[in-house]
């Protein structure tokens, strides 16, 4: 099985870190090797927070290279703009959760 990369993007206080930890825990319980990584950009001042969840049979690095995310979850429109550049060409479009539920995280699909 290939390694799958998920990028979760939001701003401080929206639950981005919690979402990645919950997802990682679920995947771990399913028997996958899981690696998590997080980047805080002024998150306490409303800045962006990006977390990466990578899972598969064997994952060697928690980092996702630009253009290599398989799935992108975004909590706000400005975050989805950042996420769109991180996905590979076959990744589903990033979604703005405001079109679904205010303040929540949702997956984008074409």
PDB file of N, CA and C in Angstrom:
ATOM      1  N   UNK A   1       0.842  -1.189   0.000  1.00  0.00           N
ATOM      2  CA  UNK A   1       0.000   0.000   0.000  1.00  0.00           C
ATOM      3  C   UNK A   1       0.885   1.250   0.000  1.00  0.00           C
ATOM      4  N   UNK A   2       0.526   2.203  -0.824  1.00  0.00           N
ATOM      5  CA  UNK A   2       1.285   3.458  -0.867  1.00  0.00           C
ATOM      6  C   UNK A   2       0.947   4.322   0.345  1.00  0.00           C
ATOM      7  N   UNK A   3       1.821   5.257   0.632  1.00  0.00           N
ATOM      8  CA  UNK A   3       1.592   6.207   1.714  1.00  0.00           C
ATOM      9  C   UNK A   3       0.604   7.273   1.256  1.00  0.00           C
ATOM     10  N   UNK A   4      -0.390   7.550   2.073  1.00  0.00           N
ATOM     11  CA  UNK A   4      -1.394   8.563   1.781  1.00  0.00           C
ATOM     12  C   UNK A   4      -1.110   9.782   2.642  1.00  0.00           C
ATOM     13  N   UNK A   5      -1.196  10.968   2.041  1.00  0.00           N
ATOM     14  CA  UNK A   5      -0.898  12.224   2.730  1.00  0.00           C
ATOM     15  C   UNK A   5      -2.137  13.104   2.795  1.00  0.00           C
ATOM     16  N   UNK A   6      -2.458  13.563   4.006  1.00  0.00           N
ATOM     17  CA  UNK A   6      -3.600  14.443   4.226  1.00  0.00           C
ATOM     18  C   UNK A   6      -3.089  15.736   4.848  1.00  0.00           C
ATOM     19  N   UNK A   7      -3.505  16.859   4.292  1.00  0.00           N
ATOM     20  CA  UNK A   7      -3.138  18.178   4.810  1.00  0.00           C
ATOM     21  C   UNK A   7      -4.394  18.807   5.402  1.00  0.00           C
ATOM     22  N   UNK A   8      -4.299  19.279   6.658  1.00  0.00           N
ATOM     23  CA  UNK A   8      -5.422  19.936   7.316  1.00  0.00           C
ATOM     24  C   UNK A   8      -5.003  21.377   7.593  1.00  0.00           C
ATOM     25  N   UNK A   9      -5.782  22.334   7.062  1.00  0.00           N
ATOM     26  CA  UNK A   9      -5.412  23.748   7.133  1.00  0.00           C
ATOM     27  C   UNK A   9      -6.527  24.540   7.807  1.00  0.00           C
ATOM     28  N   UNK A  10      -6.157  25.432   8.707  1.00  0.00           N
ATOM     29  CA  UNK A  10      -7.127  26.297   9.369  1.00  0.00           C
ATOM     30  C   UNK A  10      -6.409  27.431  10.067  1.00  0.00           C
ATOM     31  N   UNK A  11      -7.106  28.070  10.985  1.00  0.00           N
ATOM     32  CA  UNK A  11      -6.495  29.111  11.805  1.00  0.00           C
ATOM     33  C   UNK A  11      -6.568  28.663  13.252  1.00  0.00           C
ATOM     34  N   UNK A  12      -5.774  29.322  14.106  1.00  0.00           N
ATOM     35  CA  UNK A  12      -5.729  28.970  15.520  1.00  0.00           C
ATOM     36  C   UNK A  12      -7.109  28.937  16.149  1.00  0.00           C
ATOM     37  N   UNK A  13      -7.386  27.890  16.900  1.00  0.00           N
ATOM     38  CA  UNK A  13      -8.644  27.776  17.619  1.00  0.00           C
ATOM     39  C   UNK A  13      -9.738  27.018  16.894  1.00  0.00           C
ATOM     40  N   UNK A  14      -9.510  26.595  15.662  1.00  0.00           N
ATOM     41  CA  UNK A  14     -10.545  25.891  14.906  1.00  0.00           C
ATOM     42  C   UNK A  14     -10.503  24.378  15.068  1.00  0.00           C
ATOM     43  N   UNK A  15      -9.514  23.868  15.775  1.00  0.00           N
ATOM     44  CA  UNK A  15      -9.462  22.425  15.987  1.00  0.00           C
ATOM     45  C   UNK A  15      -8.633  21.665  14.978  1.00  0.00           C
ATOM     46  N   UNK A  16      -7.787  22.364  14.256  1.00  0.00           N
ATOM     47  CA  UNK A  16      -6.946  21.719  13.248  1.00  0.00           C
ATOM     48  C   UNK A  16      -6.038  20.668  13.877  1.00  0.00           C
ATOM     49  N   UNK A  17      -5.381  21.025  14.986  1.00  0.00           N
ATOM     50  CA  UNK A  17      -4.485  20.076  15.655  1.00  0.00           C
ATOM     51  C   UNK A  17      -5.269  18.898  16.217  1.00  0.00           C
ATOM     52  N   UNK A  18      -6.408  19.180  16.832  1.00  0.00           N
ATOM     53  CA  UNK A  18      -7.242  18.122  17.379  1.00  0.00           C
ATOM     54  C   UNK A  18      -7.715  17.180  16.274  1.00  0.00           C
ATOM     55  N   UNK A  19      -8.128  17.733  15.137  1.00  0.00           N
ATOM     56  CA  UNK A  19      -8.588  16.908  14.019  1.00  0.00           C
ATOM     57  C   UNK A  19      -7.487  15.967  13.537  1.00  0.00           C
ATOM     58  N   UNK A  20      -6.264  16.477  13.427  1.00  0.00           N
ATOM     59  CA  UNK A  20      -5.168  15.623  12.955  1.00  0.00           C
ATOM     60  C   UNK A  20      -4.844  14.533  13.967  1.00  0.00           C
ATOM     61  N   UNK A  21      -4.898  14.856  15.263  1.00  0.00           N
ATOM     62  CA  UNK A  21      -4.619  13.847  16.288  1.00  0.00           C
ATOM     63  C   UNK A  21      -5.709  12.778  16.324  1.00  0.00           C
ATOM     64  N   UNK A  22      -6.964  13.182  16.194  1.00  0.00           N
ATOM     65  CA  UNK A  22      -8.058  12.213  16.161  1.00  0.00           C
ATOM     66  C   UNK A  22      -7.958  11.305  14.946  1.00  0.00           C
ATOM     67  N   UNK A  23      -7.707  11.896  13.793  1.00  0.00           N
ATOM     68  CA  UNK A  23      -7.566  11.115  12.567  1.00  0.00           C
ATOM     69  C   UNK A  23      -6.391  10.145  12.676  1.00  0.00           C
ATOM     70  N   UNK A  24      -5.261  10.648  13.184  1.00  0.00           N
ATOM     71  CA  UNK A  24      -4.088   9.797  13.360  1.00  0.00           C
ATOM     72  C   UNK A  24      -4.361   8.632  14.289  1.00  0.00           C
ATOM     73  N   UNK A  25      -5.096   8.882  15.373  1.00  0.00           N
ATOM     74  CA  UNK A  25      -5.435   7.833  16.327  1.00  0.00           C
ATOM     75  C   UNK A  25      -6.322   6.767  15.691  1.00  0.00           C
ATOM     76  N   UNK A  26      -7.308   7.194  14.919  1.00  0.00           N
ATOM     77  CA  UNK A  26      -8.200   6.252  14.235  1.00  0.00           C
ATOM     78  C   UNK A  26      -7.399   5.379  13.259  1.00  0.00           C
ATOM     79  N   UNK A  27      -6.517   6.005  12.477  1.00  0.00           N
ATOM     80  CA  UNK A  27      -5.714   5.268  11.503  1.00  0.00           C
ATOM     81  C   UNK A  27      -4.757   4.296  12.193  1.00  0.00           C
ATOM     82  N   UNK A  28      -4.192   4.710  13.313  1.00  0.00           N
ATOM     83  CA  UNK A  28      -3.300   3.845  14.089  1.00  0.00           C
ATOM     84  C   UNK A  28      -4.050   2.608  14.583  1.00  0.00           C
ATOM     85  N   UNK A  29      -5.264   2.814  15.054  1.00  0.00           N
ATOM     86  CA  UNK A  29      -6.088   1.696  15.530  1.00  0.00           C
ATOM     87  C   UNK A  29      -6.503   0.758  14.395  1.00  0.00           C
ATOM     88  N   UNK A  30      -6.474   1.273  13.172  1.00  0.00           N
ATOM     89  CA  UNK A  30      -6.783   0.447  12.004  1.00  0.00           C
ATOM     90  C   UNK A  30      -5.570  -0.346  11.533  1.00  0.00           C
ATOM     91  N   UNK A  31      -4.422  -0.145  12.199  1.00  0.00           N
ATOM     92  CA  UNK A  31      -3.226  -0.916  11.884  1.00  0.00           C
ATOM     93  C   UNK A  31      -2.242  -0.236  10.946  1.00  0.00           C
ATOM     94  N   UNK A  32      -2.473   1.027  10.610  1.00  0.00           N
ATOM     95  CA  UNK A  32      -1.565   1.755   9.735  1.00  0.00           C
ATOM     96  C   UNK A  32      -0.387   2.315  10.523  1.00  0.00           C
ATOM     97  N   UNK A  33       0.742   2.479   9.843  1.00  0.00           N
ATOM     98  CA  UNK A  33       1.847   3.271  10.373  1.00  0.00           C
ATOM     99  C   UNK A  33       1.451   4.720  10.121  1.00  0.00           C
ATOM    100  N   UNK A  34       1.511   5.565  11.150  1.00  0.00           N
ATOM    101  CA  UNK A  34       1.019   6.946  11.043  1.00  0.00           C
ATOM    102  C   UNK A  34       2.098   7.911  11.521  1.00  0.00           C
ATOM    103  N   UNK A  35       2.270   9.008  10.771  1.00  0.00           N
ATOM    104  CA  UNK A  35       3.163  10.093  11.178  1.00  0.00           C
ATOM    105  C   UNK A  35       2.378  11.399  11.106  1.00  0.00           C
ATOM    106  N   UNK A  36       2.536  12.242  12.137  1.00  0.00           N
ATOM    107  CA  UNK A  36       1.886  13.552  12.182  1.00  0.00           C
ATOM    108  C   UNK A  36       2.938  14.648  12.202  1.00  0.00           C
ATOM    109  N   UNK A  37       2.615  15.768  11.590  1.00  0.00           N
ATOM    110  CA  UNK A  37       3.495  16.928  11.586  1.00  0.00           C
ATOM    111  C   UNK A  37       2.619  18.168  11.650  1.00  0.00           C
ATOM    112  N   UNK A  38       3.104  19.225  12.290  1.00  0.00           N
ATOM    113  CA  UNK A  38       2.305  20.448  12.380  1.00  0.00           C
ATOM    114  C   UNK A  38       3.173  21.684  12.212  1.00  0.00           C
ATOM    115  N   UNK A  39       2.568  22.708  11.626  1.00  0.00           N
ATOM    116  CA  UNK A  39       3.240  23.986  11.423  1.00  0.00           C
ATOM    117  C   UNK A  39       2.313  25.070  11.940  1.00  0.00           C
ATOM    118  N   UNK A  40       2.793  25.867  12.894  1.00  0.00           N
ATOM    119  CA  UNK A  40       2.000  26.960  13.455  1.00  0.00           C
ATOM    120  C   UNK A  40       2.546  28.270  12.892  1.00  0.00           C
ATOM    121  N   UNK A  41       1.684  29.041  12.239  1.00  0.00           N
ATOM    122  CA  UNK A  41       2.094  30.350  11.733  1.00  0.00           C
ATOM    123  C   UNK A  41       1.305  31.441  12.427  1.00  0.00           C
ATOM    124  N   UNK A  42       1.788  31.938  13.537  1.00  0.00           N
ATOM    125  CA  UNK A  42       1.086  32.980  14.304  1.00  0.00           C
ATOM    126  C   UNK A  42      -0.334  32.540  14.650  1.00  0.00           C
ATOM    127  N   UNK A  43      -0.506  31.278  15.007  1.00  0.00           N
ATOM    128  CA  UNK A  43      -1.834  30.725  15.240  1.00  0.00           C
ATOM    129  C   UNK A  43      -2.583  31.416  16.374  1.00  0.00           C
ATOM    130  N   UNK A  44      -1.886  31.955  17.360  1.00  0.00           N
ATOM    131  CA  UNK A  44      -2.559  32.638  18.464  1.00  0.00           C
ATOM    132  C   UNK A  44      -3.089  34.002  18.040  1.00  0.00           C
ATOM    133  N   UNK A  45      -2.701  34.487  16.901  1.00  0.00           N
ATOM    134  CA  UNK A  45      -3.146  35.783  16.387  1.00  0.00           C
ATOM    135  C   UNK A  45      -4.060  35.607  15.175  1.00  0.00           C
ATOM    136  N   UNK A  46      -4.670  34.454  15.048  1.00  0.00           N
ATOM    137  CA  UNK A  46      -5.565  34.205  13.926  1.00  0.00           C
ATOM    138  C   UNK A  46      -4.842  33.767  12.671  1.00  0.00           C
ATOM    139  N   UNK A  47      -3.558  33.437  12.799  1.00  0.00           N
ATOM    140  CA  UNK A  47      -2.779  32.978  11.653  1.00  0.00           C
ATOM    141  C   UNK A  47      -3.041  31.514  11.346  1.00  0.00           C
ATOM    142  N   UNK A  48      -2.414  31.048  10.311  1.00  0.00           N
ATOM    143  CA  UNK A  48      -2.689  29.700   9.834  1.00  0.00           C
ATOM    144  C   UNK A  48      -2.025  28.615  10.676  1.00  0.00           C
ATOM    145  N   UNK A  49      -2.676  27.463  10.684  1.00  0.00           N
ATOM    146  CA  UNK A  49      -2.145  26.249  11.279  1.00  0.00           C
ATOM    147  C   UNK A  49      -2.282  25.170  10.218  1.00  0.00           C
ATOM    148  N   UNK A  50      -1.186  24.484   9.936  1.00  0.00           N
ATOM    149  CA  UNK A  50      -1.191  23.407   8.945  1.00  0.00           C
ATOM    150  C   UNK A  50      -0.710  22.140   9.631  1.00  0.00           C
ATOM    151  N   UNK A  51      -1.475  21.074   9.508  1.00  0.00           N
ATOM    152  CA  UNK A  51      -1.037  19.784  10.025  1.00  0.00           C
ATOM    153  C   UNK A  51      -1.050  18.774   8.889  1.00  0.00           C
ATOM    154  N   UNK A  52      -0.176  17.808   8.999  1.00  0.00           N
ATOM    155  CA  UNK A  52      -0.081  16.745   8.005  1.00  0.00           C
ATOM    156  C   UNK A  52      -0.283  15.414   8.694  1.00  0.00           C
ATOM    157  N   UNK A  53      -1.074  14.563   8.089  1.00  0.00           N
ATOM    158  CA  UNK A  53      -1.267  13.196   8.547  1.00  0.00           C
ATOM    159  C   UNK A  53      -0.851  12.305   7.391  1.00  0.00           C
ATOM    160  N   UNK A  54       0.134  11.446   7.632  1.00  0.00           N
ATOM    161  CA  UNK A  54       0.593  10.504   6.599  1.00  0.00           C
ATOM    162  C   UNK A  54       0.399   9.100   7.154  1.00  0.00           C
ATOM    163  N   UNK A  55      -0.154   8.215   6.333  1.00  0.00           N
ATOM    164  CA  UNK A  55      -0.371   6.847   6.789  1.00  0.00           C
ATOM    165  C   UNK A  55      -0.183   5.859   5.651  1.00  0.00           C
ATOM    166  N   UNK A  56       0.127   4.649   6.023  1.00  0.00           N
ATOM    167  CA  UNK A  56       0.336   3.585   5.059  1.00  0.00           C
ATOM    168  C   UNK A  56       0.937   2.381   5.756  1.00  0.00           C
ATOM    169  N   UNK A  57       1.460   1.466   4.965  1.00  0.00           N
ATOM    170  CA  UNK A  57       2.093   0.271   5.526  1.00  0.00           C
ATOM    171  C   UNK A  57       3.346   0.643   6.307  1.00  0.00           C
ATOM    172  N   UNK A  58       4.180   1.515   5.723  1.00  0.00           N
ATOM    173  CA  UNK A  58       5.378   2.023   6.394  1.00  0.00           C
ATOM    174  C   UNK A  58       5.589   3.459   5.938  1.00  0.00           C
ATOM    175  N   UNK A  59       5.589   4.404   6.888  1.00  0.00           N
ATOM    176  CA  UNK A  59       5.770   5.820   6.593  1.00  0.00           C
ATOM    177  C   UNK A  59       7.127   6.240   7.146  1.00  0.00           C
ATOM    178  N   UNK A  60       7.961   6.823   6.298  1.00  0.00           N
ATOM    179  CA  UNK A  60       9.320   7.176   6.710  1.00  0.00           C
ATOM    180  C   UNK A  60       9.467   8.627   7.144  1.00  0.00           C
ATOM    181  N   UNK A  61       8.563   9.504   6.726  1.00  0.00           N
ATOM    182  CA  UNK A  61       8.682  10.921   7.065  1.00  0.00           C
ATOM    183  C   UNK A  61       7.296  11.514   7.301  1.00  0.00           C
ATOM    184  N   UNK A  62       7.162  12.430   8.267  1.00  0.00           N
ATOM    185  CA  UNK A  62       5.870  13.074   8.494  1.00  0.00           C
ATOM    186  C   UNK A  62       5.619  14.245   7.535  1.00  0.00           C
ATOM    187  N   UNK A  63       6.613  14.643   6.781  1.00  0.00           N
ATOM    188  CA  UNK A  63       6.496  15.831   5.936  1.00  0.00           C
ATOM    189  C   UNK A  63       5.886  15.511   4.578  1.00  0.00           C
ATOM    190  N   UNK A  64       5.127  16.472   4.066  1.00  0.00           N
ATOM    191  CA  UNK A  64       4.500  16.351   2.752  1.00  0.00           C
ATOM    192  C   UNK A  64       5.102  17.428   1.865  1.00  0.00           C
ATOM    193  N   UNK A  65       5.707  17.033   0.763  1.00  0.00           N
ATOM    194  CA  UNK A  65       6.294  17.994  -0.168  1.00  0.00           C
ATOM    195  C   UNK A  65       5.199  18.771  -0.894  1.00  0.00           C
ATOM    196  N   UNK A  66       5.542  19.989  -1.322  1.00  0.00           N
ATOM    197  CA  UNK A  66       4.619  20.829  -2.075  1.00  0.00           C
ATOM    198  C   UNK A  66       4.119  20.072  -3.300  1.00  0.00           C
ATOM    199  N   UNK A  67       2.815  20.042  -3.470  1.00  0.00           N
ATOM    200  CA  UNK A  67       2.219  19.357  -4.604  1.00  0.00           C
ATOM    201  C   UNK A  67       2.005  17.876  -4.403  1.00  0.00           C
ATOM    202  N   UNK A  68       2.209  17.363  -3.183  1.00  0.00           N
ATOM    203  CA  UNK A  68       2.128  15.925  -2.947  1.00  0.00           C
ATOM    204  C   UNK A  68       0.986  15.482  -2.026  1.00  0.00           C
ATOM    205  N   UNK A  69       0.162  16.392  -1.524  1.00  0.00           N
ATOM    206  CA  UNK A  69      -0.947  15.997  -0.643  1.00  0.00           C
ATOM    207  C   UNK A  69      -2.020  15.267  -1.449  1.00  0.00           C
ATOM    208  N   UNK A  70      -2.503  14.151  -0.910  1.00  0.00           N
ATOM    209  CA  UNK A  70      -3.565  13.390  -1.568  1.00  0.00           C
ATOM    210  C   UNK A  70      -4.944  13.969  -1.254  1.00  0.00           C
ATOM    211  N   UNK A  71      -5.113  14.463  -0.038  1.00  0.00           N
ATOM    212  CA  UNK A  71      -6.373  15.060   0.402  1.00  0.00           C
ATOM    213  C   UNK A  71      -6.061  16.330   1.186  1.00  0.00           C
ATOM    214  N   UNK A  72      -6.952  17.320   1.055  1.00  0.00           N
ATOM    215  CA  UNK A  72      -6.761  18.599   1.734  1.00  0.00           C
ATOM    216  C   UNK A  72      -8.070  18.963   2.430  1.00  0.00           C
ATOM    217  N   UNK A  73      -7.995  19.222   3.732  1.00  0.00           N
ATOM    218  CA  UNK A  73      -9.151  19.647   4.513  1.00  0.00           C
ATOM    219  C   UNK A  73      -8.909  21.082   4.953  1.00  0.00           C
ATOM    220  N   UNK A  74      -9.869  21.968   4.685  1.00  0.00           N
ATOM    221  CA  UNK A  74      -9.678  23.384   5.005  1.00  0.00           C
ATOM    222  C   UNK A  74     -10.863  23.914   5.795  1.00  0.00           C
ATOM    223  N   UNK A  75     -10.567  24.795   6.752  1.00  0.00           N
ATOM    224  CA  UNK A  75     -11.617  25.358   7.591  1.00  0.00           C
ATOM    225  C   UNK A  75     -12.049  26.753   7.134  1.00  0.00           C
ATOM    226  N   UNK A  76     -11.238  27.457   6.355  1.00  0.00           N
ATOM    227  CA  UNK A  76     -11.573  28.793   5.876  1.00  0.00           C
ATOM    228  C   UNK A  76     -11.117  28.957   4.435  1.00  0.00           C
ATOM    229  N   UNK A  77     -11.732  29.895   3.722  1.00  0.00           N
ATOM    230  CA  UNK A  77     -11.396  30.098   2.319  1.00  0.00           C
ATOM    231  C   UNK A  77      -9.928  30.458   2.117  1.00  0.00           C
ATOM    232  N   UNK A  78      -9.356  31.388   2.938  1.00  0.00           N
ATOM    233  CA  UNK A  78      -7.960  31.762   2.725  1.00  0.00           C
ATOM    234  C   UNK A  78      -7.051  30.566   2.965  1.00  0.00           C
ATOM    235  N   UNK A  79      -7.445  29.685   3.877  1.00  0.00           N
ATOM    236  CA  UNK A  79      -6.661  28.474   4.128  1.00  0.00           C
ATOM    237  C   UNK A  79      -6.763  27.528   2.938  1.00  0.00           C
ATOM    238  N   UNK A  80      -7.917  27.485   2.301  1.00  0.00           N
ATOM    239  CA  UNK A  80      -8.065  26.587   1.153  1.00  0.00           C
ATOM    240  C   UNK A  80      -7.197  27.042  -0.013  1.00  0.00           C
ATOM    241  N   UNK A  81      -6.960  28.352  -0.135  1.00  0.00           N
ATOM    242  CA  UNK A  81      -6.067  28.837  -1.189  1.00  0.00           C
ATOM    243  C   UNK A  81      -4.667  28.278  -0.977  1.00  0.00           C
ATOM    244  N   UNK A  82      -4.202  28.261   0.260  1.00  0.00           N
ATOM    245  CA  UNK A  82      -2.898  27.694   0.582  1.00  0.00           C
ATOM    246  C   UNK A  82      -2.902  26.201   0.303  1.00  0.00           C
ATOM    247  N   UNK A  83      -3.979  25.538   0.688  1.00  0.00           N
ATOM    248  CA  UNK A  83      -4.068  24.099   0.506  1.00  0.00           C
ATOM    249  C   UNK A  83      -4.084  23.673  -0.946  1.00  0.00           C
ATOM    250  N   UNK A  84      -4.712  24.454  -1.816  1.00  0.00           N
ATOM    251  CA  UNK A  84      -4.801  24.074  -3.227  1.00  0.00           C
ATOM    252  C   UNK A  84      -3.432  23.908  -3.874  1.00  0.00           C
ATOM    253  N   UNK A  85      -2.461  24.701  -3.447  1.00  0.00           N
ATOM    254  CA  UNK A  85      -1.134  24.597  -4.061  1.00  0.00           C
ATOM    255  C   UNK A  85      -0.352  23.412  -3.522  1.00  0.00           C
ATOM    256  N   UNK A  86      -0.811  22.826  -2.418  1.00  0.00           N
ATOM    257  CA  UNK A  86      -0.077  21.724  -1.794  1.00  0.00           C
ATOM    258  C   UNK A  86      -0.497  20.364  -2.325  1.00  0.00           C
ATOM    259  N   UNK A  87      -1.648  20.286  -2.940  1.00  0.00           N
ATOM    260  CA  UNK A  87      -2.143  18.995  -3.425  1.00  0.00           C
ATOM    261  C   UNK A  87      -1.534  18.617  -4.754  1.00  0.00           C
ATOM    262  N   UNK A  88      -1.431  17.300  -4.985  1.00  0.00           N
ATOM    263  CA  UNK A  88      -0.945  16.873  -6.290  1.00  0.00           C
ATOM    264  C   UNK A  88      -2.061  17.042  -7.307  1.00  0.00           C
ATOM    265  N   UNK A  89      -1.752  16.873  -8.577  1.00  0.00           N
ATOM    266  CA  UNK A  89      -2.699  17.221  -9.635  1.00  0.00           C
ATOM    267  C   UNK A  89      -3.984  16.392  -9.611  1.00  0.00           C
ATOM    268  N   UNK A  90      -3.977  15.231  -8.960  1.00  0.00           N
ATOM    269  CA  UNK A  90      -5.175  14.394  -8.902  1.00  0.00           C
ATOM    270  C   UNK A  90      -5.895  14.494  -7.559  1.00  0.00           C
ATOM    271  N   UNK A  91      -5.404  15.339  -6.655  1.00  0.00           N
ATOM    272  CA  UNK A  91      -6.042  15.498  -5.339  1.00  0.00           C
ATOM    273  C   UNK A  91      -7.368  16.230  -5.506  1.00  0.00           C
ATOM    274  N   UNK A  92      -8.369  15.868  -4.689  1.00  0.00           N
ATOM    275  CA  UNK A  92      -9.639  16.607  -4.754  1.00  0.00           C
ATOM    276  C   UNK A  92      -9.405  18.074  -4.404  1.00  0.00           C
ATOM    277  N   UNK A  93     -10.255  18.956  -4.954  1.00  0.00           N
ATOM    278  CA  UNK A  93     -10.147  20.374  -4.610  1.00  0.00           C
ATOM    279  C   UNK A  93     -10.363  20.562  -3.120  1.00  0.00           C
ATOM    280  N   UNK A  94      -9.679  21.557  -2.561  1.00  0.00           N
ATOM    281  CA  UNK A  94      -9.877  21.911  -1.154  1.00  0.00           C
ATOM    282  C   UNK A  94     -11.246  22.542  -1.005  1.00  0.00           C
ATOM    283  N   UNK A  95     -11.879  22.314   0.138  1.00  0.00           N
ATOM    284  CA  UNK A  95     -13.217  22.861   0.380  1.00  0.00           C
ATOM    285  C   UNK A  95     -13.166  23.913   1.473  1.00  0.00           C
ATOM    286  N   UNK A  96     -14.015  24.896   1.351  1.00  0.00           N
ATOM    287  CA  UNK A  96     -14.178  25.916   2.382  1.00  0.00           C
ATOM    288  C   UNK A  96     -15.338  25.470   3.262  1.00  0.00           C
ATOM    289  N   UNK A  97     -15.067  25.206   4.533  1.00  0.00           N
ATOM    290  CA  UNK A  97     -16.089  24.685   5.436  1.00  0.00           C
ATOM    291  C   UNK A  97     -17.238  25.668   5.647  1.00  0.00           C
ATOM    292  N   UNK A  98     -17.046  26.956   5.343  1.00  0.00           N
ATOM    293  CA  UNK A  98     -18.136  27.919   5.522  1.00  0.00           C
ATOM    294  C   UNK A  98     -19.317  27.579   4.625  1.00  0.00           C
ATOM    295  N   UNK A  99     -19.081  26.843   3.544  1.00  0.00           N
ATOM    296  CA  UNK A  99     -20.175  26.454   2.663  1.00  0.00           C
ATOM    297  C   UNK A  99     -20.941  25.266   3.235  1.00  0.00           C
ATOM    298  N   UNK A 100     -20.417  24.669   4.301  1.00  0.00           N
ATOM    299  CA  UNK A 100     -21.045  23.497   4.893  1.00  0.00           C
ATOM    300  C   UNK A 100     -21.535  23.801   6.307  1.00  0.00           C
ATOM    301  N   UNK A 101     -20.612  24.000   7.231  1.00  0.00           N
ATOM    302  CA  UNK A 101     -20.929  24.338   8.612  1.00  0.00           C
ATOM    303  C   UNK A 101     -19.909  25.341   9.088  1.00  0.00           C
ATOM    304  N   UNK A 102     -20.347  26.395   9.687  1.00  0.00           N
ATOM    305  CA  UNK A 102     -19.433  27.426  10.168  1.00  0.00           C
ATOM    306  C   UNK A 102     -18.496  26.872  11.239  1.00  0.00           C
ATOM    307  N   UNK A 103     -17.178  27.079  11.034  1.00  0.00           N
ATOM    308  CA  UNK A 103     -16.185  26.692  12.018  1.00  0.00           C
ATOM    309  C   UNK A 103     -15.769  25.240  11.993  1.00  0.00           C
ATOM    310  N   UNK A 104     -16.385  24.426  11.142  1.00  0.00           N
ATOM    311  CA  UNK A 104     -16.045  23.015  11.088  1.00  0.00           C
ATOM    312  C   UNK A 104     -15.008  22.712  10.028  1.00  0.00           C
ATOM    313  N   UNK A 105     -14.557  21.476   9.977  1.00  0.00           N
ATOM    314  CA  UNK A 105     -13.600  21.040   8.975  1.00  0.00           C
ATOM    315  C   UNK A 105     -14.312  20.047   8.081  1.00  0.00           C
ATOM    316  N   UNK A 106     -14.208  20.204   6.764  1.00  0.00           N
ATOM    317  CA  UNK A 106     -14.843  19.260   5.849  1.00  0.00           C
ATOM    318  C   UNK A 106     -13.915  18.945   4.700  1.00  0.00           C
ATOM    319  N   UNK A 107     -14.150  17.818   4.061  1.00  0.00           N
ATOM    320  CA  UNK A 107     -13.284  17.378   2.961  1.00  0.00           C
ATOM    321  C   UNK A 107     -13.794  17.939   1.642  1.00  0.00           C
ATOM    322  N   UNK A 108     -12.871  18.242   0.742  1.00  0.00           N
ATOM    323  CA  UNK A 108     -13.239  18.732  -0.581  1.00  0.00           C
ATOM    324  C   UNK A 108     -13.261  17.597  -1.584  1.00  0.00           C
ATOM    325  N   UNK A 109     -14.252  17.602  -2.447  1.00  0.00           N
ATOM    326  CA  UNK A 109     -14.354  16.613  -3.518  1.00  0.00           C
ATOM    327  C   UNK A 109     -14.739  17.320  -4.794  1.00  0.00           C
ATOM    328  N   UNK A 110     -14.275  16.814  -5.909  1.00  0.00           N
ATOM    329  CA  UNK A 110     -14.619  17.403  -7.207  1.00  0.00           C
ATOM    330  C   UNK A 110     -16.024  17.068  -7.576  1.00  0.00           C
TER     331      UNK A 110
END
